[in-house]
Amino acid sequence: MIKEEKLVYSIIQEDNTTNKEIVFRIKQNNAQNMYIIHRSLIQQLSKQRQGNACTKTRSQVRGGGRKPWKQKGTGRARAGSIRSPLWRGGGVIFGPATKNYTHKINKKEKQLALRTLIYNKFRDTLVVDNIFDNLREPKTKNIIKALQKLGIYTNKKEKILIIVDTKKKNLYLSIRNLQNIELIAANQLNVLSIIKADKLLITVNGLNKINKIYNA
């Protein structure tokens, strides 16, 4: 049964104060949470597999239409084609073939999985008041300083997922050199990125967009 939960986030301003709050109402189903998350993760990982390993059987290898020598009288073992799997350059027995590994998952199931993960990461989530919007130039140093004000240090091993409304060029260029930080737009949320992250950093506009897209 799907029920509505209320999450109250404190909004961190540029001066590191938390005067405002934002209420995020989230619909989730406690009975199927882990099952749905697992299904969504398997679907995403399967989608990344190429499945293009392929070998040719004896019918696909070029040549071998003529019998190499007559059946009897030569003293050699009988052979019907130079493309037999026993021959060098012949076909492959039981070799790999191209395969499609994709799994289907319903849109509402995927939305439920993402909502559940956001709910589970509530304690490790910071909501900021769009502090990344004022970047005049792409500079990693400025991003590091802004994160340190929030108590996030890039030299630690913990992984940070920054969720914004839209990816802006200066922000993307400033963050891409930081190894443990991933930047993602709210409309491109995925299960794997949220699971891997130790902390979520969401802008107010990003949270509103998540509510609009995934909480319908």
N, C-alpha and C. Protein backbone atom coordinates (compact mmCIF):
# COMPACT_ATOMS: atom_id res chain seq x y z
N MET A 1 0.84 -1.20 0.00
CA MET A 1 0.00 0.00 0.00
C MET A 1 0.88 1.26 0.00
N ILE A 2 0.60 2.17 -0.92
CA ILE A 2 1.39 3.39 -1.03
C ILE A 2 0.86 4.41 -0.02
N LYS A 3 1.78 4.94 0.79
CA LYS A 3 1.39 5.97 1.75
C LYS A 3 2.30 7.19 1.59
N GLU A 4 1.85 8.31 2.07
CA GLU A 4 2.60 9.56 1.91
C GLU A 4 3.38 9.87 3.17
N GLU A 5 4.68 10.13 3.00
CA GLU A 5 5.54 10.52 4.11
C GLU A 5 5.94 11.99 3.93
N LYS A 6 6.18 12.67 5.05
CA LYS A 6 6.57 14.08 5.00
C LYS A 6 8.00 14.23 5.47
N LEU A 7 8.85 14.82 4.60
CA LEU A 7 10.24 15.09 4.94
C LEU A 7 10.41 16.60 5.04
N VAL A 8 11.01 17.06 6.12
CA VAL A 8 11.25 18.49 6.33
C VAL A 8 12.75 18.73 6.27
N TYR A 9 13.18 19.48 5.25
CA TYR A 9 14.59 19.80 5.06
C TYR A 9 14.85 21.24 5.49
N SER A 10 15.96 21.47 6.19
CA SER A 10 16.41 22.84 6.49
C SER A 10 17.22 23.34 5.30
N ILE A 11 16.90 24.53 4.81
CA ILE A 11 17.58 25.10 3.65
C ILE A 11 18.81 25.88 4.11
N ILE A 12 19.97 25.49 3.61
CA ILE A 12 21.23 26.15 3.96
C ILE A 12 21.47 27.31 3.00
N GLN A 13 21.59 28.52 3.55
CA GLN A 13 21.80 29.72 2.74
C GLN A 13 23.30 29.88 2.42
N GLU A 14 23.62 30.92 1.63
CA GLU A 14 25.01 31.17 1.25
C GLU A 14 25.88 31.50 2.46
N ASP A 15 25.30 32.15 3.48
CA ASP A 15 26.07 32.50 4.69
C ASP A 15 26.04 31.36 5.71
N ASN A 16 25.62 30.18 5.26
CA ASN A 16 25.63 28.95 6.09
C ASN A 16 24.59 28.98 7.21
N THR A 17 23.57 29.83 7.11
CA THR A 17 22.49 29.84 8.08
C THR A 17 21.33 28.98 7.56
N THR A 18 20.49 28.53 8.51
CA THR A 18 19.34 27.68 8.15
C THR A 18 18.07 28.29 8.70
N ASN A 19 17.62 29.37 8.09
CA ASN A 19 16.42 30.06 8.59
C ASN A 19 15.13 29.50 8.00
N LYS A 20 15.24 28.88 6.83
CA LYS A 20 14.05 28.41 6.14
C LYS A 20 13.99 26.89 6.11
N GLU A 21 12.79 26.40 5.89
CA GLU A 21 12.58 24.95 5.75
C GLU A 21 11.74 24.68 4.50
N ILE A 22 11.92 23.50 3.95
CA ILE A 22 11.11 23.09 2.81
C ILE A 22 10.52 21.72 3.11
N VAL A 23 9.25 21.57 2.86
CA VAL A 23 8.55 20.31 3.12
C VAL A 23 8.45 19.53 1.82
N PHE A 24 8.90 18.28 1.88
CA PHE A 24 8.88 17.40 0.70
C PHE A 24 8.01 16.20 1.02
N ARG A 25 6.86 16.12 0.38
CA ARG A 25 5.96 15.00 0.61
C ARG A 25 6.28 13.91 -0.41
N ILE A 26 6.45 12.70 0.09
CA ILE A 26 6.91 11.61 -0.78
C ILE A 26 6.00 10.40 -0.62
N LYS A 27 5.63 9.82 -1.75
CA LYS A 27 4.78 8.63 -1.75
C LYS A 27 5.66 7.40 -1.85
N GLN A 28 5.45 6.43 -0.95
CA GLN A 28 6.25 5.22 -1.00
C GLN A 28 5.46 4.03 -0.50
N ASN A 29 6.00 2.84 -0.85
CA ASN A 29 5.35 1.58 -0.51
C ASN A 29 6.33 0.74 0.30
N ASN A 30 6.15 0.69 1.61
CA ASN A 30 7.10 0.00 2.48
C ASN A 30 7.20 -1.50 2.20
N ALA A 31 6.12 -2.10 1.72
CA ALA A 31 6.09 -3.54 1.51
C ALA A 31 6.99 -3.98 0.37
N GLN A 32 7.22 -3.12 -0.62
CA GLN A 32 7.98 -3.53 -1.81
C GLN A 32 9.23 -2.69 -2.04
N ASN A 33 9.68 -2.00 -1.01
CA ASN A 33 10.79 -1.05 -1.20
C ASN A 33 12.04 -1.70 -1.78
N MET A 34 12.59 -2.67 -1.06
CA MET A 34 13.87 -3.26 -1.46
C MET A 34 13.74 -4.03 -2.77
N TYR A 35 12.60 -4.66 -2.97
CA TYR A 35 12.38 -5.40 -4.22
C TYR A 35 12.40 -4.47 -5.42
N ILE A 36 11.74 -3.32 -5.30
CA ILE A 36 11.68 -2.36 -6.41
C ILE A 36 13.06 -1.75 -6.67
N ILE A 37 13.78 -1.42 -5.60
CA ILE A 37 15.13 -0.86 -5.76
C ILE A 37 16.03 -1.86 -6.46
N HIS A 38 15.95 -3.12 -6.04
CA HIS A 38 16.77 -4.16 -6.66
C HIS A 38 16.43 -4.30 -8.14
N ARG A 39 15.17 -4.31 -8.47
CA ARG A 39 14.76 -4.42 -9.88
C ARG A 39 15.27 -3.26 -10.71
N SER A 40 15.18 -2.06 -10.17
CA SER A 40 15.64 -0.87 -10.89
C SER A 40 17.16 -0.90 -11.09
N LEU A 41 17.87 -1.37 -10.07
CA LEU A 41 19.33 -1.45 -10.17
C LEU A 41 19.75 -2.48 -11.21
N ILE A 42 19.12 -3.64 -11.20
CA ILE A 42 19.42 -4.68 -12.19
C ILE A 42 19.13 -4.17 -13.59
N GLN A 43 18.02 -3.44 -13.74
CA GLN A 43 17.66 -2.91 -15.06
C GLN A 43 18.71 -1.91 -15.55
N GLN A 44 19.20 -1.06 -14.65
CA GLN A 44 20.19 -0.06 -15.06
C GLN A 44 21.54 -0.71 -15.40
N LEU A 45 21.98 -1.66 -14.57
CA LEU A 45 23.25 -2.33 -14.83
C LEU A 45 23.19 -3.18 -16.10
N SER A 46 22.05 -3.81 -16.33
CA SER A 46 21.90 -4.63 -17.54
C SER A 46 21.93 -3.77 -18.80
N LYS A 47 21.38 -2.56 -18.67
CA LYS A 47 21.34 -1.65 -19.81
C LYS A 47 22.74 -1.21 -20.24
N GLN A 48 23.69 -1.23 -19.29
CA GLN A 48 25.06 -0.81 -19.59
C GLN A 48 25.87 -1.90 -20.29
N ARG A 49 25.39 -3.12 -20.26
CA ARG A 49 26.13 -4.22 -20.90
C ARG A 49 26.00 -4.14 -22.41
N GLN A 50 27.11 -4.31 -23.11
CA GLN A 50 27.09 -4.19 -24.57
C GLN A 50 26.54 -5.44 -25.23
N GLY A 51 26.95 -6.61 -24.75
CA GLY A 51 26.44 -7.86 -25.32
C GLY A 51 26.83 -8.06 -26.78
N ASN A 52 28.01 -7.54 -27.18
CA ASN A 52 28.39 -7.64 -28.59
C ASN A 52 29.49 -8.67 -28.86
N ALA A 53 29.79 -9.54 -27.88
CA ALA A 53 30.73 -10.63 -28.14
C ALA A 53 30.09 -11.61 -29.11
N CYS A 54 30.78 -11.94 -30.20
CA CYS A 54 30.16 -12.76 -31.24
C CYS A 54 31.21 -13.56 -31.98
N THR A 55 30.92 -14.82 -32.22
CA THR A 55 31.78 -15.67 -33.05
C THR A 55 30.94 -16.24 -34.19
N LYS A 56 31.62 -16.76 -35.20
CA LYS A 56 30.91 -17.31 -36.37
C LYS A 56 30.85 -18.83 -36.29
N THR A 57 29.70 -19.36 -36.62
CA THR A 57 29.57 -20.81 -36.73
C THR A 57 30.09 -21.24 -38.11
N ARG A 58 30.12 -22.53 -38.36
CA ARG A 58 30.66 -23.02 -39.64
C ARG A 58 29.82 -22.56 -40.83
N SER A 59 28.56 -22.29 -40.60
CA SER A 59 27.72 -21.82 -41.70
C SER A 59 27.94 -20.35 -42.02
N GLN A 60 28.54 -19.60 -41.08
CA GLN A 60 28.75 -18.17 -41.27
C GLN A 60 30.15 -17.84 -41.78
N VAL A 61 31.11 -18.77 -41.61
CA VAL A 61 32.48 -18.52 -42.07
C VAL A 61 32.52 -18.61 -43.59
N ARG A 62 33.26 -17.69 -44.19
CA ARG A 62 33.32 -17.67 -45.65
C ARG A 62 34.13 -18.85 -46.19
N GLY A 63 33.66 -19.43 -47.29
CA GLY A 63 34.36 -20.53 -47.94
C GLY A 63 33.91 -21.89 -47.43
N GLY A 64 34.64 -22.92 -47.85
CA GLY A 64 34.37 -24.28 -47.37
C GLY A 64 33.25 -24.98 -48.10
N GLY A 65 32.88 -24.48 -49.26
CA GLY A 65 31.77 -25.11 -49.99
C GLY A 65 32.16 -26.39 -50.69
N ARG A 66 33.43 -26.49 -51.06
CA ARG A 66 33.89 -27.68 -51.79
C ARG A 66 34.51 -28.69 -50.84
N LYS A 67 34.31 -29.94 -51.12
CA LYS A 67 34.96 -31.01 -50.32
C LYS A 67 36.46 -30.96 -50.60
N PRO A 68 37.30 -30.87 -49.54
CA PRO A 68 38.74 -30.67 -49.78
C PRO A 68 39.43 -31.82 -50.52
N TRP A 69 39.03 -33.03 -50.26
CA TRP A 69 39.52 -34.19 -51.02
C TRP A 69 38.46 -35.27 -51.04
N LYS A 70 38.69 -36.24 -51.89
CA LYS A 70 37.67 -37.28 -52.04
C LYS A 70 37.54 -38.09 -50.75
N GLN A 71 36.40 -38.78 -50.64
CA GLN A 71 36.06 -39.48 -49.40
C GLN A 71 37.03 -40.62 -49.11
N LYS A 72 37.39 -41.38 -50.12
CA LYS A 72 38.20 -42.58 -49.89
C LYS A 72 39.46 -42.55 -50.76
N GLY A 73 40.44 -43.31 -50.36
CA GLY A 73 41.61 -43.54 -51.20
C GLY A 73 42.80 -42.65 -50.94
N THR A 74 42.67 -41.62 -50.13
CA THR A 74 43.83 -40.73 -49.90
C THR A 74 44.62 -41.13 -48.66
N GLY A 75 44.04 -41.91 -47.78
CA GLY A 75 44.71 -42.27 -46.53
C GLY A 75 44.50 -41.25 -45.42
N ARG A 76 43.92 -40.13 -45.76
CA ARG A 76 43.67 -39.10 -44.74
C ARG A 76 42.26 -39.24 -44.18
N ALA A 77 42.06 -38.59 -43.05
CA ALA A 77 40.73 -38.63 -42.44
C ALA A 77 39.74 -37.92 -43.37
N ARG A 78 38.52 -38.44 -43.39
CA ARG A 78 37.52 -37.85 -44.25
C ARG A 78 37.16 -36.43 -43.79
N ALA A 79 36.93 -35.55 -44.74
CA ALA A 79 36.60 -34.16 -44.45
C ALA A 79 35.61 -33.67 -45.48
N GLY A 80 34.63 -32.88 -45.01
CA GLY A 80 33.61 -32.37 -45.92
C GLY A 80 33.75 -30.88 -46.20
N SER A 81 34.50 -30.17 -45.34
CA SER A 81 34.63 -28.73 -45.52
C SER A 81 35.86 -28.23 -44.77
N ILE A 82 36.52 -27.23 -45.34
CA ILE A 82 37.68 -26.66 -44.66
C ILE A 82 37.26 -25.70 -43.54
N ARG A 83 35.96 -25.47 -43.40
CA ARG A 83 35.46 -24.60 -42.34
C ARG A 83 34.83 -25.39 -41.19
N SER A 84 35.17 -26.64 -41.08
CA SER A 84 34.73 -27.45 -39.94
C SER A 84 35.33 -26.88 -38.65
N PRO A 85 34.64 -26.97 -37.53
CA PRO A 85 35.20 -26.47 -36.27
C PRO A 85 36.51 -27.14 -35.87
N LEU A 86 36.83 -28.28 -36.48
CA LEU A 86 38.08 -28.97 -36.16
C LEU A 86 39.28 -28.35 -36.89
N TRP A 87 39.00 -27.54 -37.87
CA TRP A 87 40.06 -26.96 -38.70
C TRP A 87 40.42 -25.55 -38.21
N ARG A 88 41.69 -25.17 -38.46
CA ARG A 88 42.11 -23.80 -38.20
C ARG A 88 41.39 -22.87 -39.19
N GLY A 89 40.80 -21.81 -38.66
CA GLY A 89 40.02 -20.91 -39.51
C GLY A 89 38.59 -21.35 -39.71
N GLY A 90 38.20 -22.43 -39.04
CA GLY A 90 36.83 -22.92 -39.17
C GLY A 90 35.89 -22.22 -38.19
N GLY A 91 34.65 -22.69 -38.17
CA GLY A 91 33.66 -22.11 -37.28
C GLY A 91 33.93 -22.45 -35.82
N VAL A 92 33.19 -21.79 -34.93
CA VAL A 92 33.35 -22.00 -33.48
C VAL A 92 32.12 -22.73 -32.96
N ILE A 93 32.36 -23.78 -32.15
CA ILE A 93 31.26 -24.54 -31.58
C ILE A 93 30.79 -23.85 -30.29
N PHE A 94 29.50 -23.60 -30.17
CA PHE A 94 28.89 -23.03 -28.96
C PHE A 94 29.58 -21.73 -28.51
N GLY A 95 30.00 -20.92 -29.47
CA GLY A 95 30.63 -19.64 -29.13
C GLY A 95 29.60 -18.59 -28.73
N PRO A 96 30.06 -17.46 -28.20
CA PRO A 96 29.12 -16.41 -27.80
C PRO A 96 28.46 -15.76 -29.01
N ALA A 97 27.25 -15.31 -28.84
CA ALA A 97 26.53 -14.58 -29.89
C ALA A 97 26.01 -13.27 -29.30
N THR A 98 25.70 -12.32 -30.16
CA THR A 98 25.20 -11.03 -29.67
C THR A 98 23.91 -11.25 -28.87
N LYS A 99 23.80 -10.50 -27.78
CA LYS A 99 22.68 -10.71 -26.88
C LYS A 99 22.22 -9.37 -26.32
N ASN A 100 20.93 -9.22 -26.20
CA ASN A 100 20.34 -8.01 -25.61
C ASN A 100 20.02 -8.29 -24.14
N TYR A 101 20.70 -7.57 -23.24
CA TYR A 101 20.56 -7.82 -21.81
C TYR A 101 19.53 -6.91 -21.14
N THR A 102 18.89 -6.03 -21.89
CA THR A 102 18.00 -5.05 -21.26
C THR A 102 16.79 -5.71 -20.60
N HIS A 103 16.42 -5.15 -19.45
CA HIS A 103 15.24 -5.59 -18.73
C HIS A 103 14.20 -4.47 -18.75
N LYS A 104 12.97 -4.85 -18.85
CA LYS A 104 11.90 -3.85 -18.83
C LYS A 104 11.48 -3.58 -17.39
N ILE A 105 11.25 -2.31 -17.11
CA ILE A 105 10.69 -1.94 -15.81
C ILE A 105 9.68 -0.83 -16.05
N ASN A 106 8.58 -0.87 -15.34
CA ASN A 106 7.54 0.12 -15.53
C ASN A 106 7.98 1.49 -15.02
N LYS A 107 7.47 2.53 -15.63
CA LYS A 107 7.84 3.90 -15.28
C LYS A 107 7.52 4.20 -13.82
N LYS A 108 6.35 3.75 -13.36
CA LYS A 108 5.94 4.03 -11.97
C LYS A 108 6.80 3.25 -10.97
N GLU A 109 7.26 2.07 -11.37
CA GLU A 109 8.14 1.29 -10.49
C GLU A 109 9.48 2.01 -10.32
N LYS A 110 10.00 2.54 -11.41
CA LYS A 110 11.27 3.25 -11.35
C LYS A 110 11.14 4.51 -10.51
N GLN A 111 10.04 5.22 -10.67
CA GLN A 111 9.81 6.42 -9.86
C GLN A 111 9.72 6.07 -8.38
N LEU A 112 9.07 4.95 -8.07
CA LEU A 112 8.94 4.51 -6.68
C LEU A 112 10.30 4.17 -6.09
N ALA A 113 11.16 3.54 -6.88
CA ALA A 113 12.51 3.19 -6.42
C ALA A 113 13.32 4.45 -6.11
N LEU A 114 13.24 5.45 -6.97
CA LEU A 114 13.97 6.70 -6.75
C LEU A 114 13.43 7.45 -5.53
N ARG A 115 12.11 7.47 -5.38
CA ARG A 115 11.52 8.13 -4.20
C ARG A 115 11.94 7.44 -2.91
N THR A 116 11.97 6.12 -2.93
CA THR A 116 12.36 5.35 -1.75
C THR A 116 13.80 5.64 -1.36
N LEU A 117 14.69 5.71 -2.36
CA LEU A 117 16.10 5.99 -2.07
C LEU A 117 16.28 7.40 -1.50
N ILE A 118 15.55 8.36 -2.05
CA ILE A 118 15.63 9.73 -1.51
C ILE A 118 15.14 9.75 -0.07
N TYR A 119 14.09 8.99 0.22
CA TYR A 119 13.56 8.89 1.59
C TYR A 119 14.60 8.25 2.53
N ASN A 120 15.25 7.19 2.05
CA ASN A 120 16.24 6.49 2.87
C ASN A 120 17.49 7.34 3.13
N LYS A 121 17.79 8.24 2.21
CA LYS A 121 19.00 9.08 2.34
C LYS A 121 18.69 10.41 3.04
N PHE A 122 17.54 10.50 3.69
CA PHE A 122 17.12 11.77 4.30
C PHE A 122 18.17 12.32 5.27
N ARG A 123 18.73 11.47 6.11
CA ARG A 123 19.71 11.91 7.11
C ARG A 123 21.03 12.36 6.48
N ASP A 124 21.30 11.89 5.29
CA ASP A 124 22.56 12.23 4.61
C ASP A 124 22.33 13.23 3.48
N THR A 125 21.27 14.01 3.57
CA THR A 125 20.92 14.96 2.51
C THR A 125 21.01 16.40 3.02
N LEU A 126 21.65 17.25 2.21
CA LEU A 126 21.70 18.68 2.49
C LEU A 126 20.96 19.40 1.37
N VAL A 127 20.10 20.34 1.73
CA VAL A 127 19.39 21.16 0.74
C VAL A 127 19.95 22.57 0.82
N VAL A 128 20.46 23.07 -0.31
CA VAL A 128 21.09 24.40 -0.34
C VAL A 128 20.28 25.34 -1.22
N ASP A 129 20.42 26.62 -0.93
CA ASP A 129 19.61 27.63 -1.62
C ASP A 129 20.31 28.10 -2.90
N ASN A 130 20.49 27.17 -3.84
CA ASN A 130 21.01 27.50 -5.17
C ASN A 130 22.31 28.30 -5.12
N ILE A 131 23.23 27.86 -4.27
CA ILE A 131 24.50 28.59 -4.10
C ILE A 131 25.42 28.44 -5.29
N PHE A 132 25.11 27.52 -6.19
CA PHE A 132 25.98 27.30 -7.34
C PHE A 132 25.58 28.15 -8.55
N ASP A 133 24.55 28.96 -8.41
CA ASP A 133 24.05 29.72 -9.56
C ASP A 133 24.90 30.94 -9.89
N ASN A 134 25.73 31.39 -8.95
CA ASN A 134 26.45 32.65 -9.15
C ASN A 134 27.89 32.45 -9.62
N LEU A 135 28.20 31.31 -10.20
CA LEU A 135 29.56 31.07 -10.70
C LEU A 135 29.79 31.86 -11.98
N ARG A 136 30.72 32.80 -11.94
CA ARG A 136 30.99 33.62 -13.12
C ARG A 136 31.97 32.95 -14.07
N GLU A 137 32.81 32.08 -13.52
CA GLU A 137 33.81 31.39 -14.34
C GLU A 137 33.99 29.98 -13.80
N PRO A 138 34.41 29.06 -14.67
CA PRO A 138 34.65 27.68 -14.19
C PRO A 138 35.94 27.61 -13.37
N LYS A 139 35.80 27.41 -12.08
CA LYS A 139 36.96 27.35 -11.20
C LYS A 139 36.71 26.34 -10.09
N THR A 140 37.50 25.29 -10.07
CA THR A 140 37.33 24.21 -9.10
C THR A 140 37.56 24.71 -7.67
N LYS A 141 38.48 25.66 -7.51
CA LYS A 141 38.80 26.19 -6.18
C LYS A 141 37.56 26.80 -5.51
N ASN A 142 36.75 27.50 -6.29
CA ASN A 142 35.55 28.12 -5.73
C ASN A 142 34.54 27.08 -5.25
N ILE A 143 34.42 25.99 -6.01
CA ILE A 143 33.51 24.91 -5.62
C ILE A 143 34.00 24.25 -4.33
N ILE A 144 35.30 24.03 -4.23
CA ILE A 144 35.87 23.40 -3.03
C ILE A 144 35.59 24.26 -1.80
N LYS A 145 35.75 25.58 -1.94
CA LYS A 145 35.48 26.50 -0.82
C LYS A 145 34.01 26.47 -0.42
N ALA A 146 33.13 26.46 -1.44
CA ALA A 146 31.69 26.43 -1.16
C ALA A 146 31.29 25.14 -0.44
N LEU A 147 31.89 24.03 -0.84
CA LEU A 147 31.59 22.74 -0.20
C LEU A 147 32.14 22.68 1.22
N GLN A 148 33.31 23.27 1.43
CA GLN A 148 33.90 23.26 2.77
C GLN A 148 33.04 24.06 3.76
N LYS A 149 32.39 25.10 3.28
CA LYS A 149 31.47 25.86 4.15
C LYS A 149 30.31 24.99 4.62
N LEU A 150 29.95 24.00 3.78
CA LEU A 150 28.85 23.09 4.12
C LEU A 150 29.34 21.87 4.92
N GLY A 151 30.64 21.84 5.22
CA GLY A 151 31.20 20.72 5.96
C GLY A 151 31.53 19.52 5.10
N ILE A 152 31.68 19.74 3.79
CA ILE A 152 32.02 18.66 2.86
C ILE A 152 33.45 18.89 2.37
N TYR A 153 34.32 17.91 2.61
CA TYR A 153 35.73 18.03 2.24
C TYR A 153 36.05 17.04 1.12
N THR A 154 36.60 17.57 0.04
CA THR A 154 36.82 16.75 -1.16
C THR A 154 37.99 15.78 -1.01
N ASN A 155 38.84 15.98 0.00
CA ASN A 155 39.98 15.07 0.17
C ASN A 155 39.59 13.79 0.89
N LYS A 156 38.36 13.71 1.38
CA LYS A 156 37.89 12.48 2.01
C LYS A 156 37.39 11.51 0.94
N LYS A 157 37.19 10.27 1.33
CA LYS A 157 36.80 9.24 0.37
C LYS A 157 35.29 9.16 0.16
N GLU A 158 34.52 9.91 0.93
CA GLU A 158 33.07 9.81 0.78
C GLU A 158 32.62 10.43 -0.55
N LYS A 159 31.64 9.77 -1.16
CA LYS A 159 31.15 10.19 -2.47
C LYS A 159 29.97 11.15 -2.29
N ILE A 160 30.01 12.23 -3.05
CA ILE A 160 28.98 13.27 -2.97
C ILE A 160 28.23 13.31 -4.30
N LEU A 161 26.91 13.32 -4.22
CA LEU A 161 26.08 13.50 -5.42
C LEU A 161 25.39 14.85 -5.33
N ILE A 162 25.69 15.73 -6.29
CA ILE A 162 25.07 17.05 -6.33
C ILE A 162 23.95 17.02 -7.36
N ILE A 163 22.74 17.33 -6.90
CA ILE A 163 21.57 17.31 -7.78
C ILE A 163 21.09 18.75 -7.98
N VAL A 164 21.08 19.17 -9.23
CA VAL A 164 20.68 20.54 -9.55
C VAL A 164 19.48 20.51 -10.50
N ASP A 165 18.88 21.67 -10.67
CA ASP A 165 17.75 21.80 -11.58
C ASP A 165 18.19 21.53 -13.02
N THR A 166 19.19 22.27 -13.47
CA THR A 166 19.77 22.05 -14.80
C THR A 166 21.29 22.17 -14.68
N LYS A 167 22.00 21.38 -15.47
CA LYS A 167 23.45 21.44 -15.47
C LYS A 167 23.91 22.70 -16.21
N LYS A 168 24.63 23.57 -15.51
CA LYS A 168 25.18 24.76 -16.15
C LYS A 168 26.66 24.52 -16.46
N LYS A 169 27.10 25.15 -17.55
CA LYS A 169 28.44 24.87 -18.07
C LYS A 169 29.53 25.17 -17.05
N ASN A 170 29.48 26.35 -16.40
CA ASN A 170 30.52 26.71 -15.44
C ASN A 170 30.56 25.76 -14.25
N LEU A 171 29.40 25.34 -13.80
CA LEU A 171 29.33 24.39 -12.68
C LEU A 171 29.89 23.03 -13.08
N TYR A 172 29.52 22.57 -14.26
CA TYR A 172 30.01 21.28 -14.74
C TYR A 172 31.54 21.29 -14.88
N LEU A 173 32.08 22.36 -15.49
CA LEU A 173 33.53 22.45 -15.70
C LEU A 173 34.27 22.57 -14.37
N SER A 174 33.64 23.18 -13.37
CA SER A 174 34.29 23.34 -12.06
C SER A 174 34.34 22.03 -11.28
N ILE A 175 33.37 21.16 -11.51
CA ILE A 175 33.24 19.94 -10.71
C ILE A 175 33.91 18.73 -11.35
N ARG A 176 34.06 18.73 -12.65
CA ARG A 176 34.47 17.49 -13.34
C ARG A 176 35.84 16.96 -12.92
N ASN A 177 36.71 17.82 -12.37
CA ASN A 177 38.03 17.36 -11.93
C ASN A 177 38.02 16.75 -10.53
N LEU A 178 36.91 16.90 -9.81
CA LEU A 178 36.83 16.37 -8.45
C LEU A 178 36.38 14.92 -8.51
N GLN A 179 37.23 14.05 -8.01
CA GLN A 179 37.07 12.61 -8.24
C GLN A 179 35.82 12.02 -7.59
N ASN A 180 35.53 12.42 -6.37
CA ASN A 180 34.45 11.79 -5.60
C ASN A 180 33.12 12.55 -5.68
N ILE A 181 33.04 13.51 -6.59
CA ILE A 181 31.81 14.31 -6.69
C ILE A 181 31.19 14.10 -8.07
N GLU A 182 29.90 13.81 -8.06
CA GLU A 182 29.16 13.61 -9.31
C GLU A 182 28.05 14.66 -9.39
N LEU A 183 27.94 15.28 -10.55
CA LEU A 183 26.91 16.28 -10.79
C LEU A 183 25.84 15.68 -11.70
N ILE A 184 24.59 15.87 -11.31
CA ILE A 184 23.49 15.28 -12.10
C ILE A 184 22.30 16.23 -12.09
N ALA A 185 21.60 16.28 -13.21
CA ALA A 185 20.38 17.09 -13.28
C ALA A 185 19.22 16.32 -12.67
N ALA A 186 18.25 17.03 -12.15
CA ALA A 186 17.13 16.39 -11.44
C ALA A 186 16.33 15.46 -12.34
N ASN A 187 16.26 15.77 -13.63
CA ASN A 187 15.48 14.92 -14.54
C ASN A 187 16.28 13.73 -15.06
N GLN A 188 17.53 13.56 -14.57
CA GLN A 188 18.36 12.43 -14.98
C GLN A 188 18.74 11.55 -13.79
N LEU A 189 17.96 11.62 -12.74
CA LEU A 189 18.25 10.80 -11.55
C LEU A 189 18.27 9.33 -11.90
N ASN A 190 19.19 8.60 -11.27
CA ASN A 190 19.23 7.15 -11.47
C ASN A 190 19.58 6.46 -10.16
N VAL A 191 19.18 5.22 -10.07
CA VAL A 191 19.31 4.45 -8.83
C VAL A 191 20.77 4.25 -8.44
N LEU A 192 21.62 3.93 -9.40
CA LEU A 192 23.02 3.61 -9.10
C LEU A 192 23.75 4.80 -8.49
N SER A 193 23.55 5.99 -9.04
CA SER A 193 24.24 7.18 -8.52
C SER A 193 23.83 7.47 -7.08
N ILE A 194 22.54 7.31 -6.77
CA ILE A 194 22.07 7.59 -5.40
C ILE A 194 22.60 6.54 -4.43
N ILE A 195 22.62 5.28 -4.85
CA ILE A 195 23.12 4.21 -3.97
C ILE A 195 24.61 4.41 -3.66
N LYS A 196 25.39 4.79 -4.66
CA LYS A 196 26.83 4.95 -4.47
C LYS A 196 27.17 6.16 -3.60
N ALA A 197 26.30 7.17 -3.57
CA ALA A 197 26.61 8.41 -2.86
C ALA A 197 26.51 8.24 -1.34
N ASP A 198 27.49 8.80 -0.64
CA ASP A 198 27.44 8.84 0.82
C ASP A 198 26.61 10.02 1.30
N LYS A 199 26.62 11.10 0.49
CA LYS A 199 25.84 12.29 0.83
C LYS A 199 25.18 12.84 -0.43
N LEU A 200 23.97 13.38 -0.26
CA LEU A 200 23.27 14.05 -1.34
C LEU A 200 23.26 15.54 -1.06
N LEU A 201 23.58 16.33 -2.07
CA LEU A 201 23.52 17.78 -1.97
C LEU A 201 22.55 18.27 -3.04
N ILE A 202 21.38 18.75 -2.61
CA ILE A 202 20.32 19.09 -3.56
C ILE A 202 20.02 20.58 -3.45
N THR A 203 19.90 21.24 -4.59
CA THR A 203 19.47 22.65 -4.58
C THR A 203 17.95 22.70 -4.42
N VAL A 204 17.44 23.85 -4.00
CA VAL A 204 16.00 24.00 -3.79
C VAL A 204 15.24 23.78 -5.09
N ASN A 205 15.75 24.38 -6.18
CA ASN A 205 15.10 24.19 -7.48
C ASN A 205 15.15 22.73 -7.93
N GLY A 206 16.27 22.07 -7.60
CA GLY A 206 16.40 20.65 -7.94
C GLY A 206 15.40 19.80 -7.19
N LEU A 207 15.19 20.11 -5.90
CA LEU A 207 14.23 19.36 -5.09
C LEU A 207 12.80 19.57 -5.59
N ASN A 208 12.49 20.79 -6.00
CA ASN A 208 11.16 21.06 -6.55
C ASN A 208 10.94 20.30 -7.86
N LYS A 209 12.00 20.20 -8.66
CA LYS A 209 11.87 19.48 -9.92
C LYS A 209 11.72 17.98 -9.68
N ILE A 210 12.43 17.45 -8.68
CA ILE A 210 12.28 16.04 -8.31
C ILE A 210 10.84 15.77 -7.89
N ASN A 211 10.30 16.67 -7.09
CA ASN A 211 8.92 16.53 -6.62
C ASN A 211 7.93 16.54 -7.80
N LYS A 212 8.21 17.38 -8.78
CA LYS A 212 7.32 17.52 -9.93
C LYS A 212 7.41 16.29 -10.85
N ILE A 213 8.60 15.75 -11.05
CA ILE A 213 8.79 14.66 -12.02
C ILE A 213 8.48 13.28 -11.41
N TYR A 214 9.03 13.02 -10.22
CA TYR A 214 9.01 11.65 -9.68
C TYR A 214 7.95 11.42 -8.61
N ASN A 215 7.28 12.47 -8.18
CA ASN A 215 6.33 12.31 -7.09
C ASN A 215 4.88 12.45 -7.59
N ALA A 216 4.71 12.27 -8.89
CA ALA A 216 3.36 12.44 -9.46
C ALA A 216 2.45 11.29 -9.08
